[in-house]
Amino acid sequence: MLDKIKRDKWKHFLVGVAMGAIFEAFLLWLLPAYLYIGSAIILIIIIVISYGFELTSLIIKKGHYDILDAVAGAVGGVAGMAIVLLIR
């Protein structure tokens, strides 16, 4: 099943993992007492960034618009956030 996922989606997923891990680590350093609220804010930021890149490609007609790329980035962001929270 995993080999049926296109290479492009894996790139978006891996970028999302990095984005989620970096944002979550920064948040834990900046606001360690507000874990749940901060994580929700980071999740919203990741979704906005992931969809924002797709929306930009639709508006400026460069690249291709695919909502599943944004979904893959958001899922990767959640995975990156979880990795940081598990190793903290």
Protein backbone atom coordinates (compact mmCIF):
# COMPACT_ATOMS: atom_id res chain seq x y z
CA MET A 1 0.00 0.00 0.00
CA LEU A 2 2.78 2.47 0.85
CA ASP A 3 4.42 1.93 -2.54
CA LYS A 4 1.25 3.23 -4.26
CA ILE A 5 1.73 6.70 -2.74
CA LYS A 6 3.35 8.97 -5.30
CA ARG A 7 6.82 10.39 -4.75
CA ASP A 8 5.47 13.94 -4.73
CA LYS A 9 3.24 13.19 -1.75
CA TRP A 10 6.19 11.73 0.16
CA LYS A 11 8.11 14.98 -0.38
CA HIS A 12 5.24 17.00 1.06
CA PHE A 13 4.95 14.56 3.96
CA LEU A 14 8.67 14.81 4.80
CA VAL A 15 8.61 18.61 4.60
CA GLY A 16 5.61 18.54 6.92
CA VAL A 17 7.49 16.34 9.39
CA ALA A 18 10.38 18.79 9.45
CA MET A 19 8.04 21.77 9.75
CA GLY A 20 6.05 20.19 12.58
CA ALA A 21 9.16 19.13 14.49
CA ILE A 22 10.82 22.53 14.21
CA PHE A 23 7.70 24.49 15.17
CA GLU A 24 6.85 22.18 18.07
CA ALA A 25 10.42 22.24 19.44
CA PHE A 26 10.44 26.04 19.24
CA LEU A 27 7.08 26.17 20.98
CA LEU A 28 8.25 23.89 23.80
CA TRP A 29 11.24 26.15 24.29
CA LEU A 30 9.17 29.35 24.12
CA LEU A 31 6.01 28.35 26.04
CA PRO A 32 6.58 25.11 27.97
CA ALA A 33 3.59 25.66 30.28
CA TYR A 34 1.00 25.92 27.48
CA LEU A 35 1.43 22.59 25.71
CA TYR A 36 -2.13 21.98 24.49
CA ILE A 37 -2.94 25.51 23.39
CA GLY A 38 0.43 25.90 21.73
CA SER A 39 0.16 22.58 19.92
CA ALA A 40 -3.26 23.57 18.58
CA ILE A 41 -1.83 26.86 17.34
CA ILE A 42 1.08 25.05 15.68
CA LEU A 43 -1.34 22.64 13.99
CA ILE A 44 -3.33 25.56 12.58
CA ILE A 45 -0.12 27.20 11.35
CA ILE A 46 0.99 23.98 9.64
CA ILE A 47 -2.37 23.59 7.91
CA VAL A 48 -2.34 27.23 6.78
CA ILE A 49 1.21 26.94 5.42
CA SER A 50 0.52 23.63 3.67
CA TYR A 51 -2.66 24.84 2.02
CA GLY A 52 -1.20 28.30 1.40
CA PHE A 53 1.49 26.91 -0.87
CA GLU A 54 -1.11 24.99 -2.86
CA LEU A 55 -3.36 28.03 -3.08
CA THR A 56 -0.43 30.15 -4.24
CA SER A 57 0.36 27.68 -7.01
CA LEU A 58 -3.28 27.86 -8.11
CA ILE A 59 -3.31 31.66 -8.15
CA ILE A 60 0.02 32.28 -9.89
CA LYS A 61 -0.34 29.27 -12.22
CA LYS A 62 3.13 27.91 -11.40
CA GLY A 63 3.33 24.26 -10.46
CA HIS A 64 0.16 22.27 -9.99
CA TYR A 65 -2.64 22.62 -7.48
CA ASP A 66 -3.38 19.40 -5.61
CA ILE A 67 -5.24 19.43 -2.31
CA LEU A 68 -3.74 16.04 -1.41
CA ASP A 69 -0.30 17.69 -1.30
CA ALA A 70 -1.61 19.97 1.44
CA VAL A 71 -3.11 16.99 3.25
CA ALA A 72 0.19 15.12 3.05
CA GLY A 73 2.02 18.16 4.45
CA ALA A 74 -0.46 18.51 7.31
CA VAL A 75 -0.26 14.81 8.18
CA GLY A 76 3.52 15.05 8.13
CA GLY A 77 3.32 18.09 10.39
CA VAL A 78 1.28 16.16 12.92
CA ALA A 79 3.83 13.33 12.76
CA GLY A 80 6.67 15.79 13.34
CA MET A 81 4.86 17.30 16.30
CA ALA A 82 4.30 13.83 17.75
CA ILE A 83 7.96 12.91 17.37
CA VAL A 84 9.06 15.98 19.31
CA LEU A 85 6.48 15.40 22.03
CA LEU A 86 7.51 11.75 22.39
CA ILE A 87 11.23 12.49 22.77
CA ARG A 88 10.76 15.44 25.12
